[in-house]
Amino acid sequence: MAPLRPVLAAAVLAALALARPASAGTALGLGADWLVDPEAGELQLTLAADTHLARRITLGARFGMMYLPEPDRVGAPIDGRLRIRSGRLYAEGLVGPWFVFGDDDSLRLHAAFGFGLLT
């Protein structure tokens, strides 16, 4: 066990030297999606909170309101989000429950892939 102490101490010091201070951010989003089922569109206004996992990778959550036409319904999307950035470009994966009010299928699972340009 004694020979491992210097290696363990060096690993701890390296981790502390490379650690970044925690930082978080919020973003307001306006989006439109095409849904496979029931083959209709959807508009949403969301608020997202993210924290950095690595230099270009963030993990977060987003929530808000959505509007589904045909027939008119509203809902609340809640998604977990993993985003990878490269300069101003990003790609992200989303997954979580969506609550649709006034619908027989009031709880839906949402999974999506997105990409875009940060401004």
C-alpha atoms as a PDB file:
ATOM      1  CA  MET A   1       0.000   0.000   0.000  1.00  0.00           C
ATOM      2  CA  ALA A   2       2.885   2.361   0.757  1.00  0.00           C
ATOM      3  CA  PRO A   3       4.167   2.453  -2.886  1.00  0.00           C
ATOM      4  CA  LEU A   4       0.723   3.645  -4.055  1.00  0.00           C
ATOM      5  CA  ARG A   5       0.714   6.743  -1.814  1.00  0.00           C
ATOM      6  CA  PRO A   6       2.975   8.865  -4.065  1.00  0.00           C
ATOM      7  CA  VAL A   7       0.947   7.879  -7.141  1.00  0.00           C
ATOM      8  CA  LEU A   8      -2.323   8.688  -5.365  1.00  0.00           C
ATOM      9  CA  ALA A   9      -0.952  12.015  -4.114  1.00  0.00           C
ATOM     10  CA  ALA A  10       0.223  12.923  -7.642  1.00  0.00           C
ATOM     11  CA  ALA A  11      -3.202  12.035  -9.090  1.00  0.00           C
ATOM     12  CA  VAL A  12      -4.985  14.203  -6.517  1.00  0.00           C
ATOM     13  CA  LEU A  13      -2.642  17.147  -7.183  1.00  0.00           C
ATOM     14  CA  ALA A  14      -3.108  16.773 -10.955  1.00  0.00           C
ATOM     15  CA  ALA A  15      -6.900  16.705 -10.573  1.00  0.00           C
ATOM     16  CA  LEU A  16      -6.812  19.843  -8.415  1.00  0.00           C
ATOM     17  CA  ALA A  17      -4.522  21.625 -10.876  1.00  0.00           C
ATOM     18  CA  LEU A  18      -6.792  20.822 -13.829  1.00  0.00           C
ATOM     19  CA  ALA A  19     -10.099  21.491 -12.048  1.00  0.00           C
ATOM     20  CA  ARG A  20     -12.169  24.429 -13.254  1.00  0.00           C
ATOM     21  CA  PRO A  21     -14.344  26.583 -11.030  1.00  0.00           C
ATOM     22  CA  ALA A  22     -18.016  25.692 -11.263  1.00  0.00           C
ATOM     23  CA  SER A  23     -20.019  27.903 -13.576  1.00  0.00           C
ATOM     24  CA  ALA A  24     -23.611  27.813 -14.673  1.00  0.00           C
ATOM     25  CA  GLY A  25     -25.723  29.669 -17.174  1.00  0.00           C
ATOM     26  CA  THR A  26     -29.332  30.190 -18.174  1.00  0.00           C
ATOM     27  CA  ALA A  27     -30.877  30.669 -21.588  1.00  0.00           C
ATOM     28  CA  LEU A  28     -34.289  31.630 -22.910  1.00  0.00           C
ATOM     29  CA  GLY A  29     -35.301  29.646 -25.973  1.00  0.00           C
ATOM     30  CA  LEU A  30     -37.989  29.883 -28.613  1.00  0.00           C
ATOM     31  CA  GLY A  31     -38.383  26.782 -30.726  1.00  0.00           C
ATOM     32  CA  ALA A  32     -40.550  24.880 -33.139  1.00  0.00           C
ATOM     33  CA  ASP A  33     -40.496  21.130 -33.628  1.00  0.00           C
ATOM     34  CA  TRP A  34     -41.967  18.693 -36.105  1.00  0.00           C
ATOM     35  CA  LEU A  35     -43.428  15.732 -34.262  1.00  0.00           C
ATOM     36  CA  VAL A  36     -43.402  12.272 -35.789  1.00  0.00           C
ATOM     37  CA  ASP A  37     -46.545  11.279 -33.914  1.00  0.00           C
ATOM     38  CA  PRO A  38     -49.146  12.820 -34.456  1.00  0.00           C
ATOM     39  CA  GLU A  39     -47.350  14.343 -37.483  1.00  0.00           C
ATOM     40  CA  ALA A  40     -47.977  17.930 -36.443  1.00  0.00           C
ATOM     41  CA  GLY A  41     -45.928  20.909 -35.426  1.00  0.00           C
ATOM     42  CA  GLU A  42     -45.352  22.313 -31.988  1.00  0.00           C
ATOM     43  CA  LEU A  43     -44.168  25.690 -30.681  1.00  0.00           C
ATOM     44  CA  GLN A  44     -42.421  26.156 -27.372  1.00  0.00           C
ATOM     45  CA  LEU A  45     -40.967  28.816 -25.112  1.00  0.00           C
ATOM     46  CA  THR A  46     -38.406  27.389 -22.694  1.00  0.00           C
ATOM     47  CA  LEU A  47     -35.932  28.384 -20.023  1.00  0.00           C
ATOM     48  CA  ALA A  48     -32.777  26.303 -19.660  1.00  0.00           C
ATOM     49  CA  ALA A  49     -30.108  26.083 -16.975  1.00  0.00           C
ATOM     50  CA  ASP A  50     -26.741  24.521 -17.781  1.00  0.00           C
ATOM     51  CA  THR A  51     -23.542  23.715 -15.958  1.00  0.00           C
ATOM     52  CA  HIS A  52     -20.179  22.856 -17.511  1.00  0.00           C
ATOM     53  CA  LEU A  53     -18.993  19.247 -17.399  1.00  0.00           C
ATOM     54  CA  ALA A  54     -15.925  19.962 -19.508  1.00  0.00           C
ATOM     55  CA  ARG A  55     -14.614  22.839 -21.600  1.00  0.00           C
ATOM     56  CA  ARG A  56     -17.092  22.365 -24.459  1.00  0.00           C
ATOM     57  CA  ILE A  57     -19.723  20.114 -22.833  1.00  0.00           C
ATOM     58  CA  THR A  58     -22.643  21.259 -20.682  1.00  0.00           C
ATOM     59  CA  LEU A  59     -25.340  19.340 -18.846  1.00  0.00           C
ATOM     60  CA  GLY A  60     -28.627  20.966 -17.979  1.00  0.00           C
ATOM     61  CA  ALA A  61     -32.384  21.022 -17.905  1.00  0.00           C
ATOM     62  CA  ARG A  62     -35.000  23.011 -19.756  1.00  0.00           C
ATOM     63  CA  PHE A  63     -38.676  23.600 -19.024  1.00  0.00           C
ATOM     64  CA  GLY A  64     -41.420  25.897 -20.255  1.00  0.00           C
ATOM     65  CA  MET A  65     -44.677  26.016 -22.186  1.00  0.00           C
ATOM     66  CA  MET A  66     -45.664  24.525 -25.527  1.00  0.00           C
ATOM     67  CA  TYR A  67     -48.550  24.881 -27.944  1.00  0.00           C
ATOM     68  CA  LEU A  68     -49.829  21.947 -30.015  1.00  0.00           C
ATOM     69  CA  PRO A  69     -52.339  22.718 -32.803  1.00  0.00           C
ATOM     70  CA  GLU A  70     -55.002  20.409 -34.261  1.00  0.00           C
ATOM     71  CA  PRO A  71     -56.718  20.331 -31.787  1.00  0.00           C
ATOM     72  CA  ASP A  72     -55.502  23.254 -29.718  1.00  0.00           C
ATOM     73  CA  ARG A  73     -53.665  22.072 -26.613  1.00  0.00           C
ATOM     74  CA  VAL A  74     -50.984  23.427 -24.310  1.00  0.00           C
ATOM     75  CA  GLY A  75     -48.387  21.588 -22.298  1.00  0.00           C
ATOM     76  CA  ALA A  76     -45.239  21.722 -20.226  1.00  0.00           C
ATOM     77  CA  PRO A  77     -42.016  20.274 -21.683  1.00  0.00           C
ATOM     78  CA  ILE A  78     -39.320  19.189 -19.220  1.00  0.00           C
ATOM     79  CA  ASP A  79     -36.083  17.908 -20.726  1.00  0.00           C
ATOM     80  CA  GLY A  80     -32.597  16.972 -19.619  1.00  0.00           C
ATOM     81  CA  ARG A  81     -30.009  18.299 -22.060  1.00  0.00           C
ATOM     82  CA  LEU A  82     -26.431  17.399 -22.994  1.00  0.00           C
ATOM     83  CA  ARG A  83     -24.839  20.002 -25.288  1.00  0.00           C
ATOM     84  CA  ILE A  84     -21.482  19.907 -27.092  1.00  0.00           C
ATOM     85  CA  ARG A  85     -20.152  23.199 -28.448  1.00  0.00           C
ATOM     86  CA  SER A  86     -17.534  23.951 -31.080  1.00  0.00           C
ATOM     87  CA  GLY A  87     -17.105  27.694 -31.325  1.00  0.00           C
ATOM     88  CA  ARG A  88     -20.562  29.106 -32.030  1.00  0.00           C
ATOM     89  CA  LEU A  89     -21.956  25.788 -33.331  1.00  0.00           C
ATOM     90  CA  TYR A  90     -23.561  23.224 -31.056  1.00  0.00           C
ATOM     91  CA  ALA A  91     -25.164  19.779 -31.089  1.00  0.00           C
ATOM     92  CA  GLU A  92     -27.386  18.543 -28.283  1.00  0.00           C
ATOM     93  CA  GLY A  93     -29.404  15.601 -27.094  1.00  0.00           C
ATOM     94  CA  LEU A  94     -32.654  16.037 -25.138  1.00  0.00           C
ATOM     95  CA  VAL A  95     -34.798  13.585 -23.205  1.00  0.00           C
ATOM     96  CA  GLY A  96     -37.622  13.948 -20.696  1.00  0.00           C
ATOM     97  CA  PRO A  97     -41.357  13.968 -20.026  1.00  0.00           C
ATOM     98  CA  TRP A  98     -43.828  16.318 -21.692  1.00  0.00           C
ATOM     99  CA  PHE A  99     -47.142  17.002 -19.971  1.00  0.00           C
ATOM    100  CA  VAL A 100     -50.002  17.808 -22.383  1.00  0.00           C
ATOM    101  CA  PHE A 101     -53.102  19.301 -20.768  1.00  0.00           C
ATOM    102  CA  GLY A 102     -56.573  18.408 -22.046  1.00  0.00           C
ATOM    103  CA  ASP A 103     -55.411  15.318 -23.939  1.00  0.00           C
ATOM    104  CA  ASP A 104     -56.061  11.603 -23.423  1.00  0.00           C
ATOM    105  CA  ASP A 105     -52.314  11.005 -23.735  1.00  0.00           C
ATOM    106  CA  SER A 106     -51.314  13.593 -21.102  1.00  0.00           C
ATOM    107  CA  LEU A 107     -47.822  12.223 -20.352  1.00  0.00           C
ATOM    108  CA  ARG A 108     -45.425  11.746 -23.261  1.00  0.00           C
ATOM    109  CA  LEU A 109     -41.761  10.812 -23.448  1.00  0.00           C
ATOM    110  CA  HIS A 110     -39.689  13.203 -25.535  1.00  0.00           C
ATOM    111  CA  ALA A 111     -36.278  12.421 -27.025  1.00  0.00           C
ATOM    112  CA  ALA A 112     -34.617  14.628 -29.614  1.00  0.00           C
ATOM    113  CA  PHE A 113     -31.374  15.670 -31.272  1.00  0.00           C
ATOM    114  CA  GLY A 114     -30.718  19.285 -32.123  1.00  0.00           C
ATOM    115  CA  PHE A 115     -28.036  21.515 -33.581  1.00  0.00           C
ATOM    116  CA  GLY A 116     -27.679  25.210 -34.104  1.00  0.00           C
ATOM    117  CA  LEU A 117     -25.734  28.436 -33.913  1.00  0.00           C
ATOM    118  CA  LEU A 118     -25.151  30.324 -30.657  1.00  0.00           C
ATOM    119  CA  THR A 119     -25.570  34.092 -30.791  1.00  0.00           C
END
